[in-house]
N, C-alpha and C. Protein backbone atom coordinates (compact mmCIF):
# COMPACT_ATOMS: atom_id res chain seq x y z
N MET A 1 0.77 -1.14 -0.26
CA MET A 1 -0.37 0.27 -0.21
C MET A 1 1.19 1.32 -0.12
N ASP A 2 0.71 2.37 -0.94
CA ASP A 2 1.40 3.29 -0.71
C ASP A 2 0.85 4.41 -0.37
N GLU A 3 1.21 5.49 -0.34
CA GLU A 3 0.64 7.08 0.36
C GLU A 3 -0.54 7.17 -0.20
N LEU A 4 -1.03 7.05 -1.53
CA LEU A 4 -2.06 7.36 -2.25
C LEU A 4 -3.36 6.46 -1.78
N ASP A 5 -2.91 5.10 -0.93
CA ASP A 5 -3.86 4.45 -0.59
C ASP A 5 -4.15 4.56 0.91
N GLU A 6 -3.55 5.40 1.35
CA GLU A 6 -3.83 5.75 2.85
C GLU A 6 -4.20 7.41 2.71
N LEU A 7 -5.56 7.37 4.14
CA LEU A 7 -5.91 8.66 4.32
C LEU A 7 -5.51 8.82 5.95
N LYS A 8 -4.99 10.10 6.19
CA LYS A 8 -4.88 10.14 7.96
C LYS A 8 -6.01 11.51 8.05
N LEU A 9 -7.16 11.49 8.70
CA LEU A 9 -8.11 12.26 9.20
C LEU A 9 -8.01 12.62 10.76
N ALA A 10 -7.97 13.92 10.84
CA ALA A 10 -8.67 14.63 12.00
C ALA A 10 -9.92 15.03 12.22
N ILE A 11 -10.56 14.29 13.00
CA ILE A 11 -11.92 14.60 13.28
C ILE A 11 -12.28 15.64 14.44
N ILE A 12 -13.29 16.25 14.13
CA ILE A 12 -14.16 16.81 15.29
C ILE A 12 -15.30 16.40 15.66
N ASP A 13 -15.77 15.68 16.66
CA ASP A 13 -17.18 15.33 17.12
C ASP A 13 -17.70 16.61 17.77
N THR A 14 -18.91 16.71 17.73
CA THR A 14 -19.53 17.55 18.34
C THR A 14 -20.63 16.66 19.30
N PRO A 15 -21.59 17.25 20.14
CA PRO A 15 -22.46 16.47 21.23
C PRO A 15 -23.66 15.95 20.12
N ASP A 16 -24.14 16.68 19.05
CA ASP A 16 -25.12 16.74 18.08
C ASP A 16 -24.64 15.80 16.89
N CYS A 17 -23.35 15.34 16.93
CA CYS A 17 -23.00 15.13 15.34
C CYS A 17 -21.58 14.22 15.81
N SER A 18 -21.85 12.91 15.63
CA SER A 18 -20.57 11.98 15.79
C SER A 18 -19.84 11.55 14.22
N VAL A 19 -18.99 12.90 13.54
CA VAL A 19 -18.47 12.48 12.46
C VAL A 19 -17.61 11.19 12.47
N SER A 20 -17.02 10.92 13.50
CA SER A 20 -16.14 9.73 13.75
C SER A 20 -16.80 8.40 13.51
N SER A 21 -18.23 8.28 13.67
CA SER A 21 -18.68 7.30 13.42
C SER A 21 -19.18 6.68 12.22
N GLN A 22 -19.51 7.76 11.27
CA GLN A 22 -19.41 7.86 9.81
C GLN A 22 -18.15 7.19 9.13
N PHE A 23 -17.14 7.70 9.99
CA PHE A 23 -15.91 7.15 9.23
C PHE A 23 -15.29 5.78 9.98
N ASN A 24 -16.10 5.37 10.75
CA ASN A 24 -15.91 3.79 11.30
C ASN A 24 -16.80 3.00 10.22
N GLU A 25 -17.89 3.52 9.95
CA GLU A 25 -18.43 2.47 8.67
C GLU A 25 -17.89 2.55 7.52
N PHE A 26 -17.04 3.27 6.94
CA PHE A 26 -16.32 3.37 5.94
C PHE A 26 -15.71 2.08 5.76
N ASP A 27 -15.97 1.36 4.74
CA ASP A 27 -15.34 0.23 4.26
C ASP A 27 -15.04 0.50 2.80
N GLU A 28 -13.88 0.72 2.12
CA GLU A 28 -13.26 0.90 0.68
C GLU A 28 -11.94 -0.30 0.45
N GLU A 29 -12.44 -1.17 -0.01
CA GLU A 29 -11.18 -2.02 -0.57
C GLU A 29 -9.98 -1.49 -0.73
N GLY A 30 -8.66 -1.48 -0.50
CA GLY A 30 -7.34 -0.78 -1.23
C GLY A 30 -7.12 0.81 -0.55
N LEU A 31 -8.12 1.12 0.46
CA LEU A 31 -8.17 2.29 0.71
C LEU A 31 -8.16 2.19 2.32
N SER A 32 -7.08 2.56 3.04
CA SER A 32 -7.04 2.83 4.42
C SER A 32 -7.16 4.05 5.08
N LEU A 33 -8.14 4.04 6.13
CA LEU A 33 -8.46 5.37 6.74
C LEU A 33 -7.90 4.90 8.23
N THR A 34 -6.76 6.23 8.58
CA THR A 34 -6.68 6.33 10.06
C THR A 34 -7.06 7.74 10.65
N SER A 35 -7.84 7.50 11.75
CA SER A 35 -8.15 8.58 12.55
C SER A 35 -7.64 9.21 13.82
N VAL A 36 -7.79 10.51 13.58
CA VAL A 36 -7.36 11.20 15.00
C VAL A 36 -8.46 12.07 15.44
N SER A 37 -9.00 11.79 16.83
CA SER A 37 -9.83 12.61 17.30
C SER A 37 -9.36 13.82 17.53
N VAL A 38 -9.71 15.34 17.36
CA VAL A 38 -8.98 16.39 17.73
C VAL A 38 -10.36 17.61 18.48
N SER A 39 -10.07 18.05 19.29
CA SER A 39 -11.16 18.41 19.97
C SER A 39 -11.18 20.19 19.82
N ASP A 40 -10.31 20.93 18.96
CA ASP A 40 -10.74 22.10 18.37
C ASP A 40 -10.39 22.57 17.25
N PHE A 41 -10.79 23.30 16.24
CA PHE A 41 -10.48 23.73 15.16
C PHE A 41 -9.57 24.23 14.79
N THR A 42 -8.73 25.03 15.64
CA THR A 42 -7.37 25.58 15.62
C THR A 42 -6.40 24.44 15.68
N ARG A 43 -6.19 23.59 16.19
CA ARG A 43 -5.65 22.58 16.46
C ARG A 43 -5.73 21.61 15.09
N ALA A 44 -7.04 21.38 14.76
CA ALA A 44 -6.99 20.37 13.38
C ALA A 44 -6.41 21.11 12.13
N ILE A 45 -6.57 22.57 12.11
CA ILE A 45 -5.88 23.46 10.94
C ILE A 45 -4.50 23.41 11.16
N SER A 46 -4.08 23.33 12.35
CA SER A 46 -2.91 23.12 12.37
C SER A 46 -2.27 21.72 12.23
N MET A 47 -2.59 20.95 12.20
CA MET A 47 -2.13 19.43 12.14
C MET A 47 -2.49 19.28 10.33
N LEU A 48 -3.19 20.04 9.76
CA LEU A 48 -3.23 19.94 8.15
C LEU A 48 -1.96 20.95 7.81
N SER A 49 -1.78 21.99 8.14
CA SER A 49 -0.74 22.69 7.88
C SER A 49 0.87 22.23 7.99
N GLU A 50 0.79 21.49 9.16
CA GLU A 50 1.78 20.89 9.22
C GLU A 50 2.01 19.33 8.41
N GLY A 51 1.10 18.91 7.70
CA GLY A 51 0.96 17.64 7.25
C GLY A 51 0.90 16.44 8.13
N ASP A 52 0.30 16.55 9.05
CA ASP A 52 0.14 15.44 10.01
C ASP A 52 -1.22 14.66 9.97
N VAL A 53 -1.84 15.54 9.14
CA VAL A 53 -3.28 14.75 8.30
C VAL A 53 -3.52 15.12 7.01
N ASP A 54 -4.17 14.38 6.55
CA ASP A 54 -4.65 14.83 5.10
C ASP A 54 -5.86 15.81 4.98
N MET A 55 -6.76 15.05 5.90
CA MET A 55 -8.12 15.73 5.72
C MET A 55 -8.57 16.07 7.10
N LEU A 56 -9.69 17.21 6.96
CA LEU A 56 -10.13 17.07 8.13
C LEU A 56 -11.87 17.02 8.04
N ALA A 57 -12.23 16.44 9.07
CA ALA A 57 -13.89 16.28 8.94
C ALA A 57 -14.30 16.60 10.12
N ILE A 58 -15.49 17.59 10.11
CA ILE A 58 -16.15 18.27 11.10
C ILE A 58 -17.54 18.43 10.60
N PRO A 59 -18.58 18.79 11.86
CA PRO A 59 -19.88 18.64 11.36
C PRO A 59 -19.79 20.30 10.66
N ALA A 60 -20.89 20.25 9.51
CA ALA A 60 -20.88 21.63 8.94
C ALA A 60 -21.80 22.67 9.95
N GLU A 61 -21.71 22.68 10.93
CA GLU A 61 -22.04 23.66 11.81
C GLU A 61 -21.06 24.42 12.62
N LEU A 62 -19.91 23.66 12.54
CA LEU A 62 -18.68 24.63 12.93
C LEU A 62 -18.17 25.44 11.95
N LEU A 63 -18.49 25.08 10.84
CA LEU A 63 -18.40 25.99 9.53
C LEU A 63 -19.05 27.23 9.60
N HIS A 64 -20.25 27.15 9.36
CA HIS A 64 -21.49 27.98 9.25
C HIS A 64 -22.23 28.26 10.75
N GLY A 65 -22.14 27.96 11.68
CA GLY A 65 -22.62 28.15 13.32
C GLY A 65 -24.25 27.79 13.02
N LYS A 66 -24.87 27.17 12.19
CA LYS A 66 -26.04 26.76 12.18
C LYS A 66 -26.30 25.27 12.62
């Protein structure tokens, strides 16, 4: 498996939306997902900019506030 077959995710869950549970159900042959639970948006963005993770998965309400 090469780097293109692996995704590292930073996941922020909220009491109203468990994003991590959606990724626990993800099962795609040939693709490996690794997730890290992150408690705040600033830390998650830092992890993205430092290359520690490939993607950020968050509830939409954290982006638009509704």
